[in-house]
Amino acid sequence: AYSAVGADEAKNDFFEHVKEFTILFQGTTDTIFPHNVGFEFIKCGNFIERADKIARILDTKYFLTLPNVSDVGGAMDAAGWVTLLRACSGREAYQRMYVQDITARNVAEQLLLSRVFPRSVFYSVHSLQNAMHAISGCPITHYSNEAERLVGRLVSDLSYTSIEEVLKKGLHETISELTDRIDNIAVELCNRYMFFPIVDPAAALAKKTDASRQIQTSQT
């Protein structure tokens, strides 16, 4: 029992350490780092990761609910949504925006479509669009590369999407499509500005293994 408690405390300390230095890094870049093109690239990485992770956290809660459908709407379900909001630093924002009991519909709307909550997917993608256009210098009403075209279309789609449409289509289906589109934006952004092609480590290892097998086969 003691070792289990000690392990839990070690985990808590680790996560608190990560949170502390993440906030420290954000504060340092915002207040000290020159706000030039390099800063815009930092923002691009930040907003891509934030949009992707918020969507995936919401999707995880959806799957945790599925095995016990009878619990939906109950005390355990409500506690799960509260925990989710806290994980996304959104509990206080929720209370200010909705001023009512926490529901799955409102949590999904806040985390996916809110225009004022800084950690929502829409807010992150829209901020990503602004950062990308700051890098290229292209007016936001146009696009100069494939990454800008993809992010502009995603911002437009999210702008005219309601939470009712999301729930009708399916929360998991919507999030899966959303994360795929965010991944494509990240890939095109790298293709546009990075000097080296993106390498998939798993694919590279499989290719190297196949080559080694072919050599061994030819030698036998």
Protein backbone atom coordinates (compact mmCIF):
# COMPACT_ATOMS: atom_id res chain seq x y z
CA ALA A 1 0.00 0.00 0.00
CA TYR A 2 2.84 2.35 0.87
CA SER A 3 4.61 1.72 -2.42
CA ALA A 4 1.38 2.37 -4.33
CA VAL A 5 0.91 5.68 -2.52
CA GLY A 6 4.51 6.60 -3.19
CA ALA A 7 4.13 5.79 -6.87
CA ASP A 8 1.02 7.97 -7.10
CA GLU A 9 2.82 10.85 -5.43
CA ALA A 10 5.75 10.45 -7.83
CA LYS A 11 3.37 10.59 -10.79
CA ASN A 12 1.69 13.70 -9.44
CA ASP A 13 5.06 15.37 -8.91
CA PHE A 14 6.11 14.49 -12.45
CA PHE A 15 2.98 15.94 -14.04
CA GLU A 16 3.16 19.06 -11.88
CA HIS A 17 6.78 19.46 -12.99
CA VAL A 18 5.75 19.20 -16.65
CA LYS A 19 2.93 21.73 -16.17
CA GLU A 20 5.20 24.17 -14.34
CA PHE A 21 7.89 24.18 -17.02
CA THR A 22 5.34 24.31 -19.84
CA ILE A 23 3.88 27.48 -18.35
CA LEU A 24 7.40 28.82 -17.80
CA PHE A 25 8.30 28.19 -21.45
CA GLN A 26 5.12 29.87 -22.68
CA GLY A 27 5.70 32.88 -20.44
CA THR A 28 9.32 33.18 -21.55
CA THR A 29 8.51 33.05 -25.26
CA ASP A 30 5.62 35.49 -24.91
CA THR A 31 7.49 38.10 -22.90
CA ILE A 32 11.18 37.72 -23.88
CA PHE A 33 11.47 35.96 -27.25
CA PRO A 34 11.50 38.38 -30.21
CA HIS A 35 8.09 38.41 -31.89
CA ASN A 36 9.41 37.79 -35.39
CA VAL A 37 8.98 34.93 -37.86
CA GLY A 38 10.58 32.47 -35.44
CA PHE A 39 7.95 33.33 -32.85
CA GLU A 40 5.20 32.67 -35.40
CA PHE A 41 6.62 29.20 -36.02
CA ILE A 42 6.52 28.52 -32.27
CA LYS A 43 2.88 29.58 -32.28
CA CYS A 44 2.14 27.27 -35.22
CA GLY A 45 3.53 24.28 -33.34
CA ASN A 46 1.72 25.29 -30.18
CA PHE A 47 -1.68 25.67 -31.83
CA ILE A 48 -1.38 22.50 -33.93
CA GLU A 49 -0.59 20.45 -30.85
CA ARG A 50 -3.29 22.13 -28.77
CA ALA A 51 -6.04 21.60 -31.34
CA ASP A 52 -5.05 17.97 -31.84
CA LYS A 53 -4.72 17.10 -28.15
CA ILE A 54 -7.95 18.82 -27.05
CA ALA A 55 -9.86 16.89 -29.72
CA ARG A 56 -8.27 13.58 -28.71
CA ILE A 57 -8.92 14.14 -25.00
CA LEU A 58 -12.58 14.79 -25.78
CA ASP A 59 -12.70 11.65 -27.92
CA THR A 60 -11.19 9.61 -25.07
CA LYS A 61 -13.99 10.67 -22.72
CA TYR A 62 -16.49 9.60 -25.38
CA PHE A 63 -14.99 6.10 -25.52
CA LEU A 64 -14.79 5.80 -21.74
CA THR A 65 -18.55 6.39 -21.66
CA LEU A 66 -19.43 3.79 -24.28
CA PRO A 67 -18.94 0.59 -22.19
CA ASN A 68 -21.45 1.82 -19.59
CA VAL A 69 -24.23 3.52 -21.51
CA SER A 70 -26.49 3.26 -18.48
CA ASP A 71 -24.19 5.67 -16.63
CA VAL A 72 -24.71 8.46 -19.18
CA GLY A 73 -26.25 11.46 -17.44
CA GLY A 74 -25.56 10.06 -13.98
CA ALA A 75 -23.24 11.20 -11.22
CA MET A 76 -20.23 9.29 -12.57
CA ASP A 77 -20.77 10.71 -16.04
CA ALA A 78 -21.00 14.27 -14.69
CA ALA A 79 -17.84 13.75 -12.65
CA GLY A 80 -16.08 12.56 -15.79
CA TRP A 81 -16.99 15.74 -17.69
CA VAL A 82 -15.83 17.88 -14.76
CA THR A 83 -12.50 16.05 -14.77
CA LEU A 84 -12.22 16.54 -18.52
CA LEU A 85 -12.78 20.29 -18.19
CA ARG A 86 -10.15 20.51 -15.49
CA ALA A 87 -7.68 18.58 -17.65
CA CYS A 88 -8.23 21.17 -20.39
CA SER A 89 -8.13 24.11 -17.94
CA GLY A 90 -11.72 24.85 -18.90
CA ARG A 91 -13.77 24.48 -15.73
CA GLU A 92 -13.84 28.18 -14.83
CA ALA A 93 -14.45 29.20 -18.44
CA TYR A 94 -17.40 26.77 -18.63
CA GLN A 95 -19.03 28.30 -15.57
CA ARG A 96 -18.69 31.77 -17.06
CA MET A 97 -20.00 30.75 -20.48
CA TYR A 98 -22.92 28.49 -19.54
CA VAL A 99 -23.69 29.18 -15.84
CA GLN A 100 -25.51 25.85 -15.51
CA ASP A 101 -24.93 22.18 -14.80
CA ILE A 102 -22.20 20.52 -16.82
CA THR A 103 -23.56 18.55 -19.78
CA ALA A 104 -21.85 16.59 -22.53
CA ARG A 105 -23.37 18.81 -25.20
CA ASN A 106 -22.03 22.04 -23.68
CA VAL A 107 -18.59 20.60 -22.92
CA ALA A 108 -18.24 19.40 -26.51
CA GLU A 109 -19.34 22.79 -27.81
CA GLN A 110 -16.88 24.63 -25.60
CA LEU A 111 -13.90 22.43 -26.45
CA LEU A 112 -14.61 22.18 -30.17
CA LEU A 113 -16.35 25.34 -31.35
CA SER A 114 -15.93 28.13 -28.80
CA ARG A 115 -14.64 31.38 -30.30
CA VAL A 116 -13.58 32.81 -26.93
CA PHE A 117 -12.11 29.83 -25.02
CA PRO A 118 -8.34 29.89 -25.83
CA ARG A 119 -8.00 26.10 -25.73
CA SER A 120 -10.89 25.21 -28.02
CA VAL A 121 -10.15 23.56 -31.35
CA PHE A 122 -11.70 26.42 -33.30
CA TYR A 123 -9.74 29.08 -31.38
CA SER A 124 -6.50 27.12 -31.87
CA VAL A 125 -7.04 26.53 -35.59
CA HIS A 126 -8.00 30.17 -36.17
CA SER A 127 -4.90 31.31 -34.29
CA LEU A 128 -2.84 28.86 -36.35
CA GLN A 129 -4.22 30.44 -39.51
CA ASN A 130 -3.19 33.92 -38.31
CA ALA A 131 0.34 32.70 -37.48
CA MET A 132 0.76 30.98 -40.85
CA HIS A 133 -0.26 34.10 -42.74
CA ALA A 134 2.05 36.20 -40.58
CA ILE A 135 4.90 33.97 -41.78
CA SER A 136 4.04 34.12 -45.48
CA GLY A 137 2.77 37.70 -45.53
CA CYS A 138 -0.19 36.59 -47.61
CA PRO A 139 -3.54 38.29 -46.84
CA ILE A 140 -5.77 36.01 -44.79
CA THR A 141 -8.47 36.23 -47.47
CA HIS A 142 -6.15 34.38 -49.88
CA TYR A 143 -3.64 31.54 -49.65
CA SER A 144 -0.09 31.15 -50.92
CA ASN A 145 0.49 27.45 -50.22
CA GLU A 146 -1.37 24.22 -49.57
CA ALA A 147 -1.12 24.49 -45.78
CA GLU A 148 -2.84 27.88 -45.83
CA ARG A 149 -5.55 26.54 -48.11
CA LEU A 150 -6.24 23.59 -45.80
CA VAL A 151 -6.29 25.63 -42.61
CA GLY A 152 -8.51 28.27 -44.23
CA ARG A 153 -11.04 25.64 -45.26
CA LEU A 154 -11.01 24.08 -41.78
CA VAL A 155 -11.57 27.46 -40.11
CA SER A 156 -14.45 28.13 -42.49
CA ASP A 157 -16.04 24.72 -41.85
CA LEU A 158 -15.79 25.10 -38.08
CA SER A 159 -17.16 28.65 -38.26
CA TYR A 160 -20.40 27.42 -39.79
CA THR A 161 -20.74 24.18 -37.84
CA SER A 162 -23.13 23.89 -34.89
CA ILE A 163 -22.80 21.46 -32.02
CA GLU A 164 -26.11 19.92 -33.09
CA GLU A 165 -24.56 19.03 -36.46
CA VAL A 166 -21.56 17.52 -34.69
CA LEU A 167 -23.70 15.34 -32.43
CA LYS A 168 -25.94 14.28 -35.32
CA LYS A 169 -22.93 13.20 -37.37
CA GLY A 170 -21.30 11.57 -34.35
CA LEU A 171 -18.76 13.04 -31.96
CA HIS A 172 -16.15 10.35 -32.63
CA GLU A 173 -16.60 10.59 -36.41
CA THR A 174 -16.28 14.37 -36.30
CA ILE A 175 -13.15 14.25 -34.15
CA SER A 176 -11.51 11.56 -36.30
CA GLU A 177 -12.02 13.69 -39.40
CA LEU A 178 -10.85 16.76 -37.54
CA THR A 179 -7.59 15.22 -36.32
CA ASP A 180 -6.86 13.88 -39.81
CA ARG A 181 -7.27 17.37 -41.24
CA ILE A 182 -5.03 18.87 -38.57
CA ASP A 183 -2.39 16.23 -39.34
CA ASN A 184 -2.56 17.11 -43.03
CA ILE A 185 -2.08 20.80 -42.24
CA ALA A 186 1.00 19.97 -40.15
CA VAL A 187 2.45 17.84 -42.95
CA GLU A 188 1.90 20.53 -45.59
CA LEU A 189 3.37 23.17 -43.28
CA CYS A 190 6.52 21.07 -42.93
CA ASN A 191 6.65 20.43 -46.67
CA ARG A 192 6.48 24.16 -47.30
CA TYR A 193 9.06 25.43 -44.84
CA MET A 194 11.32 22.59 -43.70
CA PHE A 195 14.50 21.75 -45.59
CA PHE A 196 14.24 18.00 -45.08
CA PRO A 197 11.36 15.67 -45.93
CA ILE A 198 9.26 14.22 -43.14
CA VAL A 199 10.44 10.73 -42.20
CA ASP A 200 8.17 8.09 -40.70
CA PRO A 201 10.47 6.14 -38.31
CA ALA A 202 8.31 3.01 -38.46
CA ALA A 203 8.28 3.00 -42.27
CA ALA A 204 12.03 3.67 -42.41
CA LEU A 205 12.73 0.80 -40.00
CA ALA A 206 10.48 -1.58 -41.96
CA LYS A 207 12.24 -0.62 -45.19
CA LYS A 208 15.66 -1.21 -43.60
CA THR A 209 14.52 -4.59 -42.23
CA ASP A 210 13.21 -5.68 -45.64
CA ALA A 211 16.50 -4.68 -47.26
CA SER A 212 18.46 -6.70 -44.68
CA ARG A 213 16.27 -9.75 -45.28
CA GLN A 214 16.76 -9.50 -49.01
CA ILE A 215 20.54 -9.38 -48.56
CA GLN A 216 20.46 -12.39 -46.26
CA THR A 217 18.27 -14.30 -48.72
CA SER A 218 20.60 -13.55 -51.62
CA GLN A 219 23.60 -14.76 -49.63
CA THR A 220 22.02 -18.11 -48.74
